[in-house]
Amino acid sequence: MPEIQSYVDRFSANADCKNLGNREIVVFSSRSPAKTTRNEDSVAWVSWTGALLIVLADGVGGQPGGGDASELAVRLMVDRFKNINDEQITLEVFREGILDAFERANGEIQSLAIGSGTTLTAVAVAGDSVRVFNVGDSSSLICGGKGKIKFTNTPHSPTGYAVAAGLLNEDDALHHDDRHLISNVVGSPDMHIDIGPVIKLDKLDRLVVASDGLWDNMYMDEVITAVRVLPLSKAAQLIIKTCDNRMSNDGDNWPGHADDLSFVVVRPVARRVKTPANVDPPGQ
């Protein structure tokens, strides 16, 4: 049976790092520094010998029970796979189970009848293939060893669609007054699931899955540089520090928006990476 780890309502200063055999994974989730209520992000991973499932949900702020909705969505996704063994797991099994869990979560959240909603992202990795399934404005990124972007999904939000259409650039979107709006959530009769293509992972590729708490506070190039150049534990701490500083200084020239922050970074286990002496934190 697979190994499972969940992160629900976390308030932490450090990321968790784990070696999963042929992959290394780092996970961080913590509530916004601007609030004392619960962290509405929920994260989990399910690991088999040759496969990995990453699940991330961000409860919709301003609506009742956002944290409960994200926790429920992640639990239903994990439950769908917890009894599947190494020999059974394939990309097709992932696809069938993920879509079923999305529909089940959408129905159960609607049945709460309190207006709850959540984003939900499921990333399936089988062998050297990866596929992203997404509802909402959380984003996934695959980049190569030299920084080339191999895949990123379009966030389901007005600013996300505007950037994809070339109507806004990344900097304008990060400072836009409507950056908090979302167009598609689990818990809505109109929910639609974005299914990405199957991407082949190379040995130097990095996979990043994160809530908008990351993407509203760091430029994509900054995230890519961190996860490409640094060991994962150091990259995670750099991301955490940068986001915390910018969340605390919302309104200056750098992007900054206080929010719950959750991210997962995965890379193949390879030879030890040396940390360059000239790598400095991004601008604060």
Protein backbone atom coordinates (compact mmCIF):
# COMPACT_ATOMS: atom_id res chain seq x y z
CA MET A 1 0.00 0.00 0.00
CA PRO A 2 1.18 3.57 -0.62
CA GLU A 3 2.78 5.96 1.86
CA ILE A 4 0.56 8.96 2.68
CA GLN A 5 1.25 12.31 4.30
CA SER A 6 -1.30 15.11 4.87
CA TYR A 7 -0.87 18.75 5.93
CA VAL A 8 -4.09 20.32 7.25
CA ASP A 9 -4.48 23.64 9.10
CA ARG A 10 -0.72 23.99 9.48
CA PHE A 11 1.06 26.93 11.12
CA SER A 12 4.78 26.42 10.65
CA ALA A 13 8.04 28.18 9.86
CA ASN A 14 9.76 25.22 8.21
CA ALA A 15 9.23 22.90 5.28
CA ASP A 16 9.18 19.11 5.45
CA CYS A 17 11.70 17.33 3.21
CA LYS A 18 11.61 13.64 2.40
CA ASN A 19 13.39 11.22 0.10
CA LEU A 20 10.90 8.95 -1.66
CA GLY A 21 13.46 6.67 -3.27
CA ASN A 22 13.89 8.04 -6.76
CA ARG A 23 12.38 11.43 -5.91
CA GLU A 24 12.90 14.13 -3.32
CA ILE A 25 9.91 16.14 -2.13
CA VAL A 26 9.60 19.26 -0.01
CA VAL A 27 6.25 20.46 1.37
CA PHE A 28 5.31 23.66 3.16
CA SER A 29 1.94 24.91 4.38
CA SER A 30 1.22 27.69 6.86
CA ARG A 31 -1.48 30.25 7.54
CA SER A 32 -1.14 33.89 6.56
CA PRO A 33 0.99 36.01 8.90
CA ALA A 34 -1.84 38.56 8.87
CA LYS A 35 -4.41 36.36 10.62
CA THR A 36 -4.93 34.10 13.62
CA THR A 37 -7.76 32.01 12.17
CA ARG A 38 -7.15 28.62 10.56
CA ASN A 39 -5.01 27.93 7.53
CA GLU A 40 -7.51 27.33 4.72
CA ASP A 41 -4.92 25.49 2.56
CA SER A 42 -4.69 21.69 2.70
CA VAL A 43 -1.99 19.54 1.12
CA ALA A 44 -1.26 15.82 0.82
CA TRP A 45 0.90 13.39 -1.10
CA VAL A 46 0.54 9.69 -1.82
CA SER A 47 3.68 7.77 -2.84
CA TRP A 48 4.14 4.39 -4.51
CA THR A 49 7.41 2.78 -5.67
CA GLY A 50 7.20 4.32 -9.15
CA ALA A 51 4.42 6.87 -8.78
CA LEU A 52 3.38 9.94 -6.82
CA LEU A 53 0.16 11.90 -6.34
CA ILE A 54 0.27 15.49 -5.06
CA VAL A 55 -2.96 17.14 -3.88
CA LEU A 56 -3.34 20.80 -2.95
CA ALA A 57 -6.49 22.76 -2.10
CA ASP A 58 -7.02 26.41 -1.14
CA GLY A 59 -10.34 27.18 0.54
CA VAL A 60 -12.06 30.22 -0.92
CA GLY A 61 -11.59 33.17 1.41
CA GLY A 62 -14.59 35.29 2.29
CA GLN A 63 -16.92 32.30 2.14
CA PRO A 64 -17.94 30.13 5.11
CA GLY A 65 -16.08 26.91 5.72
CA GLY A 66 -13.29 27.45 3.20
CA GLY A 67 -10.80 25.51 5.30
CA ASP A 68 -13.27 22.69 5.85
CA ALA A 69 -13.95 22.55 2.10
CA SER A 70 -10.24 22.29 1.24
CA GLU A 71 -9.70 19.61 3.89
CA LEU A 72 -12.68 17.61 2.61
CA ALA A 73 -11.54 17.84 -1.02
CA VAL A 74 -8.01 16.66 -0.21
CA ARG A 75 -9.26 13.82 2.00
CA LEU A 76 -11.63 12.54 -0.70
CA MET A 77 -8.83 12.59 -3.28
CA VAL A 78 -6.47 10.69 -0.97
CA ASP A 79 -9.19 8.20 0.02
CA ARG A 80 -9.73 7.38 -3.64
CA PHE A 81 -6.13 6.09 -3.92
CA LYS A 82 -5.16 4.82 -0.48
CA ASN A 83 -6.00 1.18 -1.26
CA ILE A 84 -4.36 1.03 -4.70
CA ASN A 85 -1.06 -0.86 -4.75
CA ASP A 86 2.13 -0.41 -6.74
CA GLU A 87 1.17 -2.88 -9.46
CA GLN A 88 -2.19 -1.19 -10.12
CA ILE A 89 -1.19 2.47 -10.39
CA THR A 90 -0.91 3.89 -13.93
CA LEU A 91 -1.67 7.23 -15.58
CA GLU A 92 -5.03 5.86 -16.70
CA VAL A 93 -5.88 4.71 -13.18
CA PHE A 94 -4.83 8.16 -11.96
CA ARG A 95 -7.08 9.87 -14.51
CA GLU A 96 -10.15 7.81 -13.65
CA GLY A 97 -9.69 8.15 -9.89
CA ILE A 98 -8.84 11.86 -9.93
CA LEU A 99 -11.86 12.81 -12.02
CA ASP A 100 -14.09 10.69 -9.80
CA ALA A 101 -12.69 12.39 -6.67
CA PHE A 102 -13.21 15.85 -8.17
CA GLU A 103 -16.85 15.08 -8.86
CA ARG A 104 -17.37 13.55 -5.43
CA ALA A 105 -15.79 16.55 -3.69
CA ASN A 106 -17.86 18.96 -5.76
CA GLY A 107 -21.07 17.17 -4.78
CA GLU A 108 -20.24 16.85 -1.09
CA ILE A 109 -19.18 20.48 -0.73
CA GLN A 110 -22.38 21.63 -2.44
CA SER A 111 -24.39 19.38 -0.11
CA LEU A 112 -23.02 21.33 2.89
CA ALA A 113 -25.30 24.12 1.65
CA ILE A 114 -23.29 26.91 3.30
CA GLY A 115 -21.68 28.40 0.18
CA SER A 116 -18.25 26.80 0.67
CA GLY A 117 -15.76 26.49 -2.13
CA THR A 118 -12.15 25.49 -2.70
CA THR A 119 -9.55 25.22 -5.40
CA LEU A 120 -8.24 21.70 -5.98
CA THR A 121 -5.14 20.55 -7.85
CA ALA A 122 -4.09 16.92 -8.33
CA VAL A 123 -0.76 16.15 -9.97
CA ALA A 124 -0.15 12.56 -11.04
CA VAL A 125 3.39 11.29 -11.59
CA ALA A 126 3.84 7.78 -13.02
CA GLY A 127 7.37 6.82 -13.97
CA ASP A 128 8.73 9.75 -15.98
CA SER A 129 5.28 11.08 -16.95
CA VAL A 130 3.27 13.77 -15.17
CA ARG A 131 -0.24 15.16 -15.66
CA VAL A 132 -1.94 18.08 -13.90
CA PHE A 133 -5.66 18.24 -13.09
CA ASN A 134 -6.87 21.59 -11.77
CA VAL A 135 -9.87 23.61 -10.63
CA GLY A 136 -9.20 27.18 -9.45
CA ASP A 137 -6.28 29.58 -9.31
CA SER A 138 -3.58 27.36 -7.82
CA SER A 139 -0.76 26.80 -10.32
CA SER A 140 1.67 24.04 -11.22
CA LEU A 141 5.00 24.52 -12.95
CA ILE A 142 7.47 22.17 -14.62
CA CYS A 143 10.85 23.65 -15.50
CA GLY A 144 14.03 22.20 -16.91
CA GLY A 145 17.53 22.24 -15.48
CA LYS A 146 18.38 25.42 -17.40
CA GLY A 147 15.18 27.18 -16.35
CA LYS A 148 13.05 26.55 -19.43
CA ILE A 149 9.33 26.36 -18.61
CA LYS A 150 7.97 23.05 -19.94
CA PHE A 151 4.46 23.45 -18.51
CA THR A 152 2.33 25.79 -16.44
CA ASN A 153 -1.45 25.79 -16.19
CA THR A 154 -3.68 28.84 -16.58
CA PRO A 155 -5.17 29.97 -13.24
CA HIS A 156 -8.98 30.08 -13.34
CA SER A 157 -9.27 33.77 -12.55
CA PRO A 158 -9.85 37.00 -14.51
CA THR A 159 -6.18 37.98 -14.20
CA GLY A 160 -5.03 34.45 -15.03
CA TYR A 161 -7.06 34.39 -18.24
CA ALA A 162 -5.89 37.93 -19.10
CA VAL A 163 -2.22 36.93 -18.78
CA ALA A 164 -2.81 33.81 -20.90
CA ALA A 165 -4.46 35.98 -23.57
CA GLY A 166 -1.61 38.47 -23.56
CA LEU A 167 -3.75 41.30 -22.16
CA LEU A 168 -1.73 41.57 -18.93
CA ASN A 169 1.89 40.83 -18.14
CA GLU A 170 2.95 39.01 -14.99
CA ASP A 171 3.88 42.18 -13.13
CA ASP A 172 0.58 43.89 -13.92
CA ALA A 173 -1.32 40.81 -12.77
CA LEU A 174 0.57 40.65 -9.47
CA HIS A 175 -0.40 44.25 -8.69
CA HIS A 176 -3.93 44.13 -10.11
CA ASP A 177 -6.86 45.09 -7.87
CA ASP A 178 -8.81 41.99 -8.98
CA ARG A 179 -6.01 39.47 -8.42
CA HIS A 180 -8.04 37.85 -5.57
CA LEU A 181 -11.04 36.99 -7.78
CA ILE A 182 -11.54 33.37 -8.86
CA SER A 183 -13.65 32.01 -11.71
CA ASN A 184 -13.94 28.27 -11.04
CA VAL A 185 -14.16 26.37 -7.74
CA VAL A 186 -14.99 22.95 -6.33
CA GLY A 187 -18.38 23.41 -4.67
CA SER A 188 -20.06 25.05 -7.67
CA PRO A 189 -22.65 23.58 -10.07
CA ASP A 190 -20.57 25.11 -12.88
CA MET A 191 -17.26 23.50 -11.87
CA HIS A 192 -15.08 22.40 -14.79
CA ILE A 193 -11.85 20.43 -14.58
CA ASP A 194 -8.77 21.52 -16.49
CA ILE A 195 -6.84 18.42 -17.64
CA GLY A 196 -3.28 19.11 -18.74
CA PRO A 197 -1.26 17.13 -21.29
CA VAL A 198 1.04 14.26 -20.35
CA ILE A 199 4.52 15.73 -19.86
CA LYS A 200 7.69 13.67 -19.85
CA LEU A 201 10.01 14.54 -16.96
CA ASP A 202 13.76 14.68 -17.51
CA LYS A 203 16.21 13.97 -14.70
CA LEU A 204 16.93 17.69 -14.15
CA ASP A 205 13.31 18.86 -14.24
CA ARG A 206 11.59 20.47 -11.24
CA LEU A 207 7.89 20.24 -10.44
CA VAL A 208 6.28 22.99 -8.34
CA VAL A 209 2.66 22.91 -7.14
CA ALA A 210 1.46 25.88 -5.11
CA SER A 211 -1.47 27.95 -3.92
CA ASP A 212 -1.75 31.59 -4.91
CA GLY A 213 0.03 32.47 -1.67
CA LEU A 214 3.23 31.73 -3.59
CA TRP A 215 2.35 33.08 -7.03
CA ASP A 216 0.98 36.38 -5.62
CA ASN A 217 4.26 37.06 -3.80
CA MET A 218 7.04 35.86 -6.08
CA TYR A 219 7.71 36.13 -9.78
CA MET A 220 7.84 32.83 -11.62
CA ASP A 221 11.47 33.40 -12.61
CA GLU A 222 12.39 33.81 -8.93
CA VAL A 223 10.74 30.51 -8.04
CA ILE A 224 12.43 28.75 -10.96
CA THR A 225 15.86 30.07 -9.96
CA ALA A 226 15.41 28.95 -6.36
CA VAL A 227 14.32 25.38 -7.13
CA ARG A 228 16.77 24.94 -10.01
CA VAL A 229 19.94 26.19 -8.30
CA LEU A 230 19.54 25.36 -4.61
CA PRO A 231 19.08 22.09 -2.73
CA LEU A 232 15.36 21.68 -2.08
CA SER A 233 15.57 22.40 1.66
CA LYS A 234 17.40 25.68 1.03
CA ALA A 235 15.12 26.59 -1.88
CA ALA A 236 12.09 26.08 0.37
CA GLN A 237 13.49 28.30 3.12
CA LEU A 238 14.34 31.00 0.59
CA ILE A 239 10.78 30.90 -0.77
CA ILE A 240 9.29 30.99 2.74
CA LYS A 241 11.46 33.94 3.80
CA THR A 242 10.79 35.91 0.62
CA CYS A 243 7.02 35.41 0.78
CA ASP A 244 6.90 36.25 4.48
CA ASN A 245 8.82 39.50 3.90
CA ARG A 246 6.64 40.52 0.99
CA MET A 247 3.38 39.63 2.73
CA SER A 248 4.47 41.91 5.56
CA ASN A 249 5.24 44.79 3.18
CA ASP A 250 2.18 44.74 0.92
CA GLY A 251 2.03 47.93 -1.11
CA ASP A 252 5.69 48.52 -2.04
CA ASN A 253 7.20 47.96 -5.48
CA TRP A 254 7.54 44.22 -5.00
CA PRO A 255 4.52 41.94 -5.25
CA GLY A 256 2.97 41.39 -1.84
CA HIS A 257 -0.32 39.94 -0.66
CA ALA A 258 -0.83 38.35 2.76
CA ASP A 259 -2.36 34.90 2.33
CA ASP A 260 -2.02 31.29 3.41
CA LEU A 261 1.05 29.80 1.72
CA SER A 262 1.39 26.21 0.54
CA PHE A 263 3.76 24.68 -1.98
CA VAL A 264 5.24 21.33 -3.00
CA VAL A 265 8.48 20.91 -4.95
CA VAL A 266 9.62 17.61 -6.44
CA ARG A 267 12.80 16.65 -8.23
CA PRO A 268 14.59 13.42 -9.07
CA VAL A 269 17.25 12.32 -6.61
CA ALA A 270 20.62 13.05 -8.19
CA ARG A 271 24.17 13.81 -7.20
CA ARG A 272 24.66 16.33 -4.44
CA VAL A 273 24.09 19.90 -5.59
CA LYS A 274 26.62 22.51 -4.53
CA THR A 275 25.21 25.84 -3.36
CA PRO A 276 26.81 28.71 -5.29
CA ALA A 277 28.30 31.34 -3.01
CA ASN A 278 26.80 34.16 -5.08
CA VAL A 279 23.14 33.15 -4.81
CA ASP A 280 21.35 35.87 -2.86
CA PRO A 281 17.69 36.11 -1.81
CA PRO A 282 15.37 37.90 -4.23
CA GLY A 283 14.57 41.54 -3.57
CA GLN A 284 12.59 42.11 -0.38
